[in-house]
N, C-alpha and C. Protein backbone atom coordinates (compact mmCIF):
# COMPACT_ATOMS: atom_id res chain seq x y z
N PRO A 1 -135.06 43.55 -55.24
CA PRO A 1 -135.77 45.07 -55.91
C PRO A 1 -135.20 46.26 -55.66
N GLY A 2 -135.50 47.51 -56.02
CA GLY A 2 -134.63 48.84 -56.24
C GLY A 2 -135.04 49.20 -54.38
N PHE A 3 -136.12 48.90 -53.94
CA PHE A 3 -136.40 49.72 -52.51
C PHE A 3 -136.83 47.88 -52.21
N MET A 4 -136.69 48.06 -50.70
CA MET A 4 -137.07 46.88 -49.54
C MET A 4 -137.54 47.83 -48.56
N GLY A 5 -138.34 47.99 -48.00
CA GLY A 5 -139.04 47.94 -46.37
C GLY A 5 -138.46 47.10 -45.45
N THR A 6 -138.16 46.94 -44.74
CA THR A 6 -137.76 45.85 -43.56
C THR A 6 -138.20 45.60 -41.91
N SER A 7 -138.47 44.85 -41.48
CA SER A 7 -138.98 44.87 -39.99
C SER A 7 -138.92 43.84 -39.32
N GLY A 8 -138.54 44.26 -38.31
CA GLY A 8 -137.83 42.92 -37.52
C GLY A 8 -136.27 43.87 -36.86
N PHE A 9 -135.65 43.91 -37.23
CA PHE A 9 -134.16 44.37 -37.62
C PHE A 9 -134.61 45.24 -36.23
N ALA A 10 -133.41 45.62 -35.81
CA ALA A 10 -133.39 46.46 -34.47
C ALA A 10 -132.95 47.99 -35.21
N LEU A 11 -132.05 48.25 -36.07
CA LEU A 11 -131.93 49.16 -36.53
C LEU A 11 -132.24 49.85 -38.08
N LEU A 12 -132.23 48.80 -39.74
CA LEU A 12 -132.65 48.66 -40.74
C LEU A 12 -133.92 49.17 -40.96
N ASP A 13 -133.84 50.16 -41.09
CA ASP A 13 -135.72 50.50 -41.63
C ASP A 13 -135.82 49.91 -43.04
N ASN A 14 -134.60 50.57 -44.52
CA ASN A 14 -135.32 49.70 -45.51
C ASN A 14 -133.82 50.48 -45.96
N VAL A 15 -133.90 49.28 -47.84
CA VAL A 15 -132.49 49.16 -48.32
C VAL A 15 -133.67 50.21 -49.60
N SER A 16 -132.02 50.40 -50.41
CA SER A 16 -132.57 51.29 -51.44
C SER A 16 -131.28 50.61 -52.29
N VAL A 17 -130.95 50.82 -53.52
CA VAL A 17 -130.32 49.59 -54.55
C VAL A 17 -130.69 51.32 -55.61
N LEU A 18 -129.87 52.22 -55.28
CA LEU A 18 -129.93 53.46 -56.43
C LEU A 18 -129.72 53.11 -57.73
N GLU A 19 -129.15 52.06 -58.27
CA GLU A 19 -128.56 52.55 -59.72
C GLU A 19 -130.28 51.54 -60.65
N ARG A 20 -131.39 51.18 -59.62
CA ARG A 20 -132.03 51.25 -60.22
C ARG A 20 -133.31 52.11 -60.60
N TRP A 21 -133.03 52.97 -60.30
CA TRP A 21 -133.58 54.26 -60.59
C TRP A 21 -132.90 55.81 -60.22
N GLU A 22 -131.62 56.03 -60.39
CA GLU A 22 -130.85 56.61 -60.84
C GLU A 22 -129.74 57.32 -61.41
N GLY A 23 -129.64 58.19 -62.22
CA GLY A 23 -128.65 58.38 -63.61
C GLY A 23 -127.07 57.94 -63.12
N GLU A 24 -126.70 58.77 -62.28
CA GLU A 24 -125.68 58.88 -62.01
C GLU A 24 -125.15 57.55 -61.14
N ALA A 25 -125.36 56.86 -60.45
CA ALA A 25 -125.40 55.79 -59.95
C ALA A 25 -125.75 54.51 -60.87
N ALA A 26 -126.39 54.98 -62.15
CA ALA A 26 -126.33 53.66 -63.12
C ALA A 26 -125.31 53.56 -64.00
N ARG A 27 -124.85 54.77 -64.03
CA ARG A 27 -123.69 54.79 -65.26
C ARG A 27 -122.55 54.35 -64.20
N TRP A 28 -122.62 54.81 -63.13
CA TRP A 28 -121.12 53.59 -62.49
C TRP A 28 -121.40 52.61 -61.51
N THR A 29 -122.56 51.75 -61.54
CA THR A 29 -122.68 50.37 -61.91
C THR A 29 -122.44 50.09 -62.86
N GLU A 30 -123.18 50.43 -63.72
CA GLU A 30 -122.45 50.23 -65.88
C GLU A 30 -120.86 50.13 -65.18
N ARG A 31 -120.46 51.37 -65.07
CA ARG A 31 -118.60 51.45 -65.62
C ARG A 31 -117.87 50.39 -64.73
N THR A 32 -118.45 50.24 -62.91
CA THR A 32 -117.28 49.11 -62.42
C THR A 32 -118.50 47.77 -62.06
N GLY A 33 -119.34 47.51 -62.38
CA GLY A 33 -119.73 46.64 -62.06
C GLY A 33 -120.50 46.03 -60.54
N GLY A 34 -120.05 46.97 -59.57
CA GLY A 34 -121.14 47.35 -58.59
C GLY A 34 -122.32 47.37 -58.17
N SER A 35 -122.51 47.87 -57.11
CA SER A 35 -123.67 48.65 -57.16
C SER A 35 -123.82 49.68 -56.05
N VAL A 36 -124.26 50.39 -56.06
CA VAL A 36 -124.91 51.76 -55.13
C VAL A 36 -125.98 51.40 -53.89
N VAL A 37 -125.94 50.84 -52.93
CA VAL A 37 -127.13 51.31 -51.78
C VAL A 37 -126.81 52.01 -50.62
N GLU A 38 -128.55 52.33 -50.39
CA GLU A 38 -128.29 53.24 -49.39
C GLU A 38 -129.08 52.64 -48.53
N LEU A 39 -128.51 52.29 -47.18
CA LEU A 39 -129.42 51.79 -46.23
C LEU A 39 -129.98 52.66 -44.85
N HIS A 40 -131.28 52.75 -44.72
CA HIS A 40 -131.92 53.73 -43.86
C HIS A 40 -132.24 53.21 -42.70
N ALA A 41 -131.95 54.17 -41.11
CA ALA A 41 -132.22 53.82 -40.42
C ALA A 41 -133.28 55.09 -39.34
N TYR A 42 -133.66 54.65 -38.72
CA TYR A 42 -134.37 56.03 -39.03
C TYR A 42 -135.26 56.22 -36.99
N ALA A 43 -135.07 57.20 -36.36
CA ALA A 43 -135.08 57.32 -35.14
C ALA A 43 -134.38 56.36 -34.16
N VAL A 44 -133.40 56.86 -34.63
CA VAL A 44 -131.47 56.63 -33.81
C VAL A 44 -131.30 57.26 -32.70
N ALA A 45 -131.57 56.59 -31.70
CA ALA A 45 -131.36 57.70 -29.85
C ALA A 45 -130.31 58.41 -30.81
N ASP A 46 -129.63 59.75 -30.06
CA ASP A 46 -129.13 60.80 -30.01
C ASP A 46 -127.69 60.60 -29.23
N ASP A 47 -128.13 59.49 -28.73
CA ASP A 47 -126.79 59.16 -27.67
C ASP A 47 -126.02 58.02 -28.57
N ARG A 48 -126.23 57.20 -29.29
CA ARG A 48 -126.00 55.70 -29.73
C ARG A 48 -124.52 55.84 -30.58
N ASP A 49 -123.69 55.40 -30.90
CA ASP A 49 -122.24 55.03 -30.69
C ASP A 49 -122.51 55.06 -32.29
N ARG A 50 -122.23 55.96 -33.19
CA ARG A 50 -122.34 55.84 -34.25
C ARG A 50 -121.60 55.01 -35.16
N PRO A 51 -120.19 54.66 -35.03
CA PRO A 51 -119.41 53.48 -35.49
C PRO A 51 -120.52 52.43 -35.38
N ASP A 52 -120.47 52.22 -34.23
CA ASP A 52 -121.72 51.21 -33.85
C ASP A 52 -122.68 50.44 -34.63
N THR A 53 -123.53 51.86 -34.88
CA THR A 53 -124.52 51.76 -35.32
C THR A 53 -123.90 51.23 -36.95
N GLN A 54 -123.22 52.20 -37.57
CA GLN A 54 -123.11 51.52 -39.01
C GLN A 54 -122.55 50.82 -39.00
N ARG A 55 -121.89 50.20 -38.25
CA ARG A 55 -121.51 48.51 -38.39
C ARG A 55 -122.97 47.32 -38.56
N ARG A 56 -123.38 47.61 -37.28
CA ARG A 56 -124.29 47.09 -36.65
C ARG A 56 -126.01 46.83 -38.54
N LEU A 57 -125.46 48.86 -38.84
CA LEU A 57 -127.07 48.46 -40.52
C LEU A 57 -125.62 47.57 -41.43
N LEU A 58 -124.88 47.53 -41.69
CA LEU A 58 -123.87 46.65 -42.19
C LEU A 58 -124.31 44.86 -41.80
N GLU A 59 -124.51 44.88 -40.72
CA GLU A 59 -124.37 43.56 -40.78
C GLU A 59 -125.99 43.00 -41.16
N GLN A 60 -126.73 43.92 -40.53
CA GLN A 60 -128.40 44.19 -40.97
C GLN A 60 -128.44 43.79 -42.16
N LEU A 61 -127.62 43.95 -43.01
CA LEU A 61 -127.56 43.90 -44.79
C LEU A 61 -127.21 43.15 -45.18
N HIS A 62 -126.32 42.39 -44.27
CA HIS A 62 -125.50 41.24 -44.69
C HIS A 62 -127.31 39.55 -44.34
N GLU A 63 -128.14 40.32 -43.34
CA GLU A 63 -128.85 38.81 -43.04
C GLU A 63 -130.15 39.54 -44.27
N VAL A 64 -130.44 40.72 -44.68
CA VAL A 64 -131.59 40.74 -45.36
C VAL A 64 -131.01 40.42 -46.52
N TYR A 65 -129.76 40.42 -47.66
CA TYR A 65 -129.07 39.82 -48.12
C TYR A 65 -127.67 39.47 -48.36
N PRO A 66 -128.33 37.69 -47.80
CA PRO A 66 -126.90 37.29 -47.82
C PRO A 66 -125.95 37.41 -48.81
N GLU A 67 -126.46 37.71 -49.72
CA GLU A 67 -125.01 38.06 -50.87
C GLU A 67 -124.09 39.12 -50.98
N THR A 68 -124.23 39.59 -50.24
CA THR A 68 -123.63 41.06 -50.12
C THR A 68 -122.03 40.78 -49.04
N LYS A 69 -122.14 39.32 -48.11
CA LYS A 69 -121.47 39.34 -47.17
C LYS A 69 -120.29 39.17 -48.05
N ASP A 70 -119.61 38.71 -49.33
CA ASP A 70 -118.70 38.86 -50.00
C ASP A 70 -118.35 40.17 -50.56
N ALA A 71 -119.40 40.81 -50.70
CA ALA A 71 -119.54 42.22 -51.29
C ALA A 71 -118.22 43.12 -50.80
N ARG A 72 -117.38 44.10 -51.52
CA ARG A 72 -115.92 45.23 -51.24
C ARG A 72 -117.52 46.41 -51.00
N VAL A 73 -116.74 46.92 -49.92
CA VAL A 73 -117.00 48.34 -50.02
C VAL A 73 -116.16 49.79 -50.03
N VAL A 74 -116.49 50.47 -50.93
CA VAL A 74 -115.43 50.89 -51.93
C VAL A 74 -115.35 51.92 -51.50
N ASP A 75 -116.85 52.77 -50.77
CA ASP A 75 -117.05 54.51 -50.19
C ASP A 75 -118.30 54.24 -49.86
N ALA A 76 -117.99 54.87 -48.07
CA ALA A 76 -119.56 54.70 -47.11
C ALA A 76 -119.32 56.07 -46.87
N ARG A 77 -120.76 56.78 -47.14
CA ARG A 77 -121.19 57.99 -46.56
C ARG A 77 -122.14 58.20 -45.91
N HIS A 78 -121.88 58.04 -44.80
CA HIS A 78 -122.73 58.75 -43.70
C HIS A 78 -123.30 59.63 -43.53
N GLU A 79 -124.77 59.62 -42.96
CA GLU A 79 -125.75 61.11 -43.07
C GLU A 79 -126.75 61.45 -42.01
N TRP A 80 -126.08 61.75 -40.69
CA TRP A 80 -126.99 61.92 -39.17
C TRP A 80 -127.47 63.12 -39.26
N ARG A 81 -129.18 62.56 -40.01
CA ARG A 81 -130.31 63.74 -39.77
C ARG A 81 -131.87 63.93 -38.69
N ALA A 82 -132.13 64.78 -38.48
CA ALA A 82 -133.12 64.59 -37.78
C ALA A 82 -134.02 65.16 -38.67
N ASP A 83 -134.76 64.20 -39.57
CA ASP A 83 -135.76 64.93 -40.39
C ASP A 83 -136.69 64.26 -40.66
N CYS A 84 -137.13 63.46 -40.23
CA CYS A 84 -137.83 61.96 -40.10
C CYS A 84 -139.33 62.73 -39.48
N PRO A 85 -140.41 62.35 -39.47
CA PRO A 85 -141.53 63.05 -38.62
C PRO A 85 -141.92 61.33 -37.84
N LEU A 86 -142.42 61.84 -36.54
CA LEU A 86 -142.39 61.32 -35.86
C LEU A 86 -144.05 60.92 -35.53
N PHE A 87 -144.95 59.90 -36.05
CA PHE A 87 -146.13 60.23 -35.44
C PHE A 87 -146.73 59.14 -34.53
N GLU A 88 -147.61 59.84 -33.24
CA GLU A 88 -147.93 59.26 -32.40
C GLU A 88 -148.81 57.93 -32.90
N VAL A 89 -148.53 56.66 -31.83
CA VAL A 89 -149.74 55.78 -31.92
C VAL A 89 -151.00 56.07 -31.90
N GLY A 90 -152.12 56.07 -32.60
CA GLY A 90 -153.20 56.87 -32.25
C GLY A 90 -153.54 58.55 -33.00
N GLY A 91 -153.00 58.65 -33.18
CA GLY A 91 -152.84 59.71 -34.11
C GLY A 91 -153.39 60.57 -35.24
N PHE A 92 -154.13 59.18 -35.78
CA PHE A 92 -153.83 59.66 -37.01
C PHE A 92 -155.63 60.51 -37.21
N ALA A 93 -156.82 60.06 -36.41
CA ALA A 93 -157.17 61.18 -36.44
C ALA A 93 -157.30 62.60 -36.38
N SER A 94 -156.41 62.99 -35.74
CA SER A 94 -156.31 64.11 -35.56
C SER A 94 -155.25 64.77 -36.88
N ARG A 95 -155.09 64.00 -37.73
CA ARG A 95 -153.94 64.95 -38.33
C ARG A 95 -155.55 65.26 -39.81
N PRO A 96 -155.14 66.75 -40.58
CA PRO A 96 -155.60 67.10 -41.24
C PRO A 96 -155.81 66.38 -42.38
N GLY A 97 -157.13 66.24 -42.91
CA GLY A 97 -157.00 66.08 -44.38
C GLY A 97 -156.68 66.42 -45.35
N VAL A 98 -156.44 66.01 -46.69
CA VAL A 98 -156.58 67.06 -47.59
C VAL A 98 -157.40 68.41 -48.44
N ARG A 99 -158.54 68.08 -47.83
CA ARG A 99 -159.62 69.30 -47.89
C ARG A 99 -159.93 70.07 -47.06
N THR A 100 -159.80 71.26 -46.77
CA THR A 100 -159.94 72.38 -45.85
C THR A 100 -161.22 73.14 -46.03
N PRO A 101 -161.32 73.60 -44.87
CA PRO A 101 -163.34 74.44 -45.49
C PRO A 101 -162.94 75.24 -46.20
N ASP A 102 -161.81 76.12 -47.11
CA ASP A 102 -161.39 76.93 -47.89
C ASP A 102 -161.35 76.18 -49.10
N PRO A 103 -162.36 75.72 -50.13
CA PRO A 103 -162.05 74.97 -51.11
C PRO A 103 -161.05 75.43 -52.49
N ARG A 104 -160.36 76.18 -52.15
CA ARG A 104 -159.00 76.94 -52.59
C ARG A 104 -157.63 76.65 -51.96
N VAL A 105 -157.71 75.87 -51.24
CA VAL A 105 -156.24 75.47 -50.10
C VAL A 105 -156.42 74.28 -49.71
N VAL A 106 -155.92 73.53 -50.22
CA VAL A 106 -155.60 71.99 -50.02
C VAL A 106 -154.50 71.84 -49.42
N LEU A 107 -154.76 70.19 -48.64
CA LEU A 107 -153.21 70.21 -47.68
C LEU A 107 -152.53 69.04 -48.49
N ALA A 108 -151.08 68.89 -48.66
CA ALA A 108 -150.61 67.67 -49.19
C ALA A 108 -149.40 67.04 -48.18
N GLY A 109 -148.34 66.38 -48.09
CA GLY A 109 -147.50 65.59 -46.88
C GLY A 109 -147.83 64.67 -46.55
N ASP A 110 -146.52 64.17 -45.67
CA ASP A 110 -146.63 63.25 -44.68
C ASP A 110 -147.65 63.33 -43.53
N LEU A 111 -147.49 64.21 -43.55
CA LEU A 111 -148.96 64.71 -42.22
C LEU A 111 -150.24 64.38 -42.78
N VAL A 112 -150.42 64.55 -43.57
CA VAL A 112 -152.20 65.03 -43.77
C VAL A 112 -152.40 62.89 -43.93
N ARG A 113 -153.87 62.88 -43.62
CA ARG A 113 -155.07 62.00 -43.45
C ARG A 113 -155.04 61.08 -45.13
N THR A 114 -154.66 60.14 -44.95
CA THR A 114 -155.99 59.70 -46.24
C THR A 114 -155.64 58.46 -46.20
N GLY A 115 -156.96 58.10 -46.81
CA GLY A 115 -157.21 56.29 -46.67
C GLY A 115 -156.47 55.29 -46.81
N LEU A 116 -155.52 55.92 -48.21
CA LEU A 116 -154.62 54.93 -48.89
C LEU A 116 -153.57 54.60 -47.90
N PRO A 117 -153.43 53.09 -47.77
CA PRO A 117 -152.40 53.16 -47.12
C PRO A 117 -151.11 53.69 -47.54
N SER A 118 -150.22 54.59 -46.85
CA SER A 118 -149.02 54.76 -47.32
C SER A 118 -148.12 55.20 -45.82
N ALA A 119 -147.11 55.70 -45.97
CA ALA A 119 -146.21 56.56 -45.37
C ALA A 119 -145.22 57.11 -45.79
N LEU A 120 -144.80 58.54 -45.19
CA LEU A 120 -143.55 59.42 -45.22
C LEU A 120 -143.80 59.99 -46.64
N MET A 121 -142.56 59.11 -47.75
CA MET A 121 -142.27 60.16 -49.17
C MET A 121 -144.00 59.45 -49.55
N GLU A 122 -144.39 58.41 -49.69
CA GLU A 122 -145.08 57.80 -50.23
C GLU A 122 -146.80 58.08 -50.15
N ARG A 123 -147.23 58.78 -48.92
CA ARG A 123 -148.22 59.57 -48.48
C ARG A 123 -148.48 61.31 -48.71
N ALA A 124 -147.16 61.47 -49.02
CA ALA A 124 -147.00 62.48 -48.89
C ALA A 124 -147.14 62.73 -51.17
N ALA A 125 -146.56 62.17 -51.87
CA ALA A 125 -147.15 62.12 -53.20
C ALA A 125 -148.39 61.70 -53.35
N THR A 126 -148.19 60.16 -52.13
CA THR A 126 -150.33 60.10 -52.77
C THR A 126 -151.51 61.80 -52.59
N THR A 127 -151.12 62.06 -51.31
CA THR A 127 -152.07 62.97 -50.91
C THR A 127 -151.29 64.75 -51.67
N GLY A 128 -150.49 64.68 -52.65
CA GLY A 128 -150.40 65.38 -53.51
C GLY A 128 -151.10 65.31 -54.48
N PHE A 129 -151.19 64.17 -54.90
CA PHE A 129 -151.92 64.07 -56.13
C PHE A 129 -153.32 64.25 -55.49
N GLN A 130 -153.74 63.81 -54.53
CA GLN A 130 -155.21 63.82 -53.61
C GLN A 130 -155.84 65.36 -54.19
N ALA A 131 -154.77 66.20 -53.76
CA ALA A 131 -155.40 67.11 -53.52
C ALA A 131 -154.92 68.20 -55.29
N ALA A 132 -154.14 67.84 -55.67
CA ALA A 132 -154.37 68.40 -57.00
C ALA A 132 -155.68 68.20 -57.77
N ASN A 133 -156.39 66.57 -57.38
CA ASN A 133 -157.54 66.39 -58.30
C ASN A 133 -157.93 66.96 -57.43
N VAL A 134 -158.37 67.16 -56.06
CA VAL A 134 -159.61 68.45 -55.56
C VAL A 134 -159.63 69.50 -56.13
N LEU A 135 -158.32 70.56 -56.50
CA LEU A 135 -158.42 71.55 -57.07
C LEU A 135 -158.67 70.43 -58.93
N LEU A 136 -158.96 70.39 -59.28
CA LEU A 136 -158.67 70.07 -60.67
C LEU A 136 -160.10 69.67 -60.91
N GLU A 137 -160.86 69.09 -59.59
CA GLU A 137 -162.42 69.24 -59.77
C GLU A 137 -162.97 70.39 -59.87
N ARG A 138 -163.06 71.26 -59.09
CA ARG A 138 -163.05 72.87 -59.08
C ARG A 138 -163.17 72.76 -60.46
N TRP A 139 -162.77 72.56 -61.40
CA TRP A 139 -162.27 73.04 -62.79
C TRP A 139 -163.17 72.46 -63.53
N GLY A 140 -163.53 70.86 -63.48
CA GLY A 140 -163.92 70.11 -64.25
C GLY A 140 -163.25 69.05 -64.77
N VAL A 141 -162.19 69.33 -64.48
CA VAL A 141 -160.55 68.34 -65.01
C VAL A 141 -160.16 67.13 -64.23
N ARG A 142 -160.34 65.92 -65.36
CA ARG A 142 -160.81 65.28 -64.44
C ARG A 142 -158.67 64.99 -64.13
N GLY A 143 -159.25 64.68 -62.64
CA GLY A 143 -157.74 64.16 -62.02
C GLY A 143 -156.60 62.62 -62.12
N GLN A 144 -156.20 62.56 -61.70
CA GLN A 144 -155.30 60.72 -61.48
C GLN A 144 -155.92 60.02 -61.25
N THR A 145 -155.97 58.84 -61.39
CA THR A 145 -156.74 58.22 -60.94
C THR A 145 -155.95 57.37 -59.71
N LEU A 146 -155.92 57.06 -57.94
CA LEU A 146 -155.35 56.55 -57.54
C LEU A 146 -155.55 55.31 -57.44
N TRP A 147 -154.89 54.35 -57.60
CA TRP A 147 -155.16 52.61 -56.69
C TRP A 147 -154.61 51.97 -55.81
N SER A 148 -154.52 51.42 -54.92
CA SER A 148 -153.79 50.59 -53.93
C SER A 148 -153.96 49.24 -54.04
N VAL A 149 -153.40 49.09 -53.08
CA VAL A 149 -153.08 47.63 -52.20
C VAL A 149 -154.33 47.38 -51.83
N PRO A 150 -155.70 46.62 -51.77
CA PRO A 150 -156.05 46.23 -50.76
C PRO A 150 -156.00 46.50 -49.33
N CYS A 151 -156.85 47.15 -48.93
CA CYS A 151 -156.83 47.46 -47.35
C CYS A 151 -157.29 46.53 -45.92
N ALA A 152 -157.88 45.77 -46.87
CA ALA A 152 -158.42 44.53 -45.75
C ALA A 152 -158.21 43.15 -46.61
N GLY A 153 -157.64 41.99 -46.09
CA GLY A 153 -157.69 40.87 -46.59
C GLY A 153 -158.74 40.65 -47.44
N ARG A 154 -158.19 39.85 -48.49
CA ARG A 154 -159.37 38.81 -49.89
C ARG A 154 -160.19 38.23 -49.09
N SER A 155 -159.71 37.45 -48.01
CA SER A 155 -160.90 36.19 -47.73
C SER A 155 -161.89 36.51 -46.49
N ALA A 156 -162.69 37.10 -46.66
CA ALA A 156 -163.35 36.76 -44.98
C ALA A 156 -163.05 35.96 -43.78
N PRO A 157 -163.00 34.55 -44.34
CA PRO A 157 -162.99 33.91 -43.70
C PRO A 157 -161.76 33.95 -42.54
N LEU A 158 -160.37 33.84 -43.27
CA LEU A 158 -159.32 34.69 -42.81
C LEU A 158 -159.16 35.98 -41.96
N ARG A 159 -159.77 36.57 -42.41
CA ARG A 159 -159.72 37.92 -42.01
C ARG A 159 -160.31 37.73 -40.10
N ALA A 160 -161.33 36.56 -40.41
CA ALA A 160 -161.76 36.47 -39.31
C ALA A 160 -161.03 35.49 -38.54
N ALA A 161 -160.39 35.23 -38.65
CA ALA A 161 -159.45 33.90 -37.92
C ALA A 161 -158.76 34.94 -37.97
N ALA A 162 -158.33 35.70 -38.45
CA ALA A 162 -157.08 36.83 -38.04
C ALA A 162 -157.22 37.36 -36.52
N SER A 163 -158.53 37.57 -36.12
CA SER A 163 -159.20 38.27 -35.61
C SER A 163 -158.96 37.94 -34.69
N LEU A 164 -159.25 36.71 -34.33
CA LEU A 164 -158.86 35.43 -33.22
C LEU A 164 -157.69 35.67 -32.76
N ALA A 165 -156.33 36.07 -33.34
CA ALA A 165 -155.46 35.98 -32.54
C ALA A 165 -154.69 36.74 -32.09
């Protein structure tokens, strides 16, 4: 897949295969037969050893995609930023929604509350559509229909069983 979120790894949060959607990476891949892979680790402690972190991320990539173990790394770039927001557990209700008291002002972004399951970049895009729809509605213009995966399981007996676990 072009993007995969992970769970249960100490550092690796997601893997992006950039040539699946980015032109420069796609051209490089076509020319060389290689792949452009991006590994993300969010909320890495400031004092964590960087070379060790980079080594562990690569090891965890190999756990997720065992076929990468034999791949040769021809270039590596590392960016260390503190630009991924942290939302506290239980803080959903206190986030602002798309609508504000002023009907001319709407909000969008990864901090904005929405009823659709989403996180970070996806929430920013989703609330952007929702905000545009609110404004378009005022002018009688049909907005973008948004759809999502179900927010609850499809089977009532399975939901009941899961609640007992």
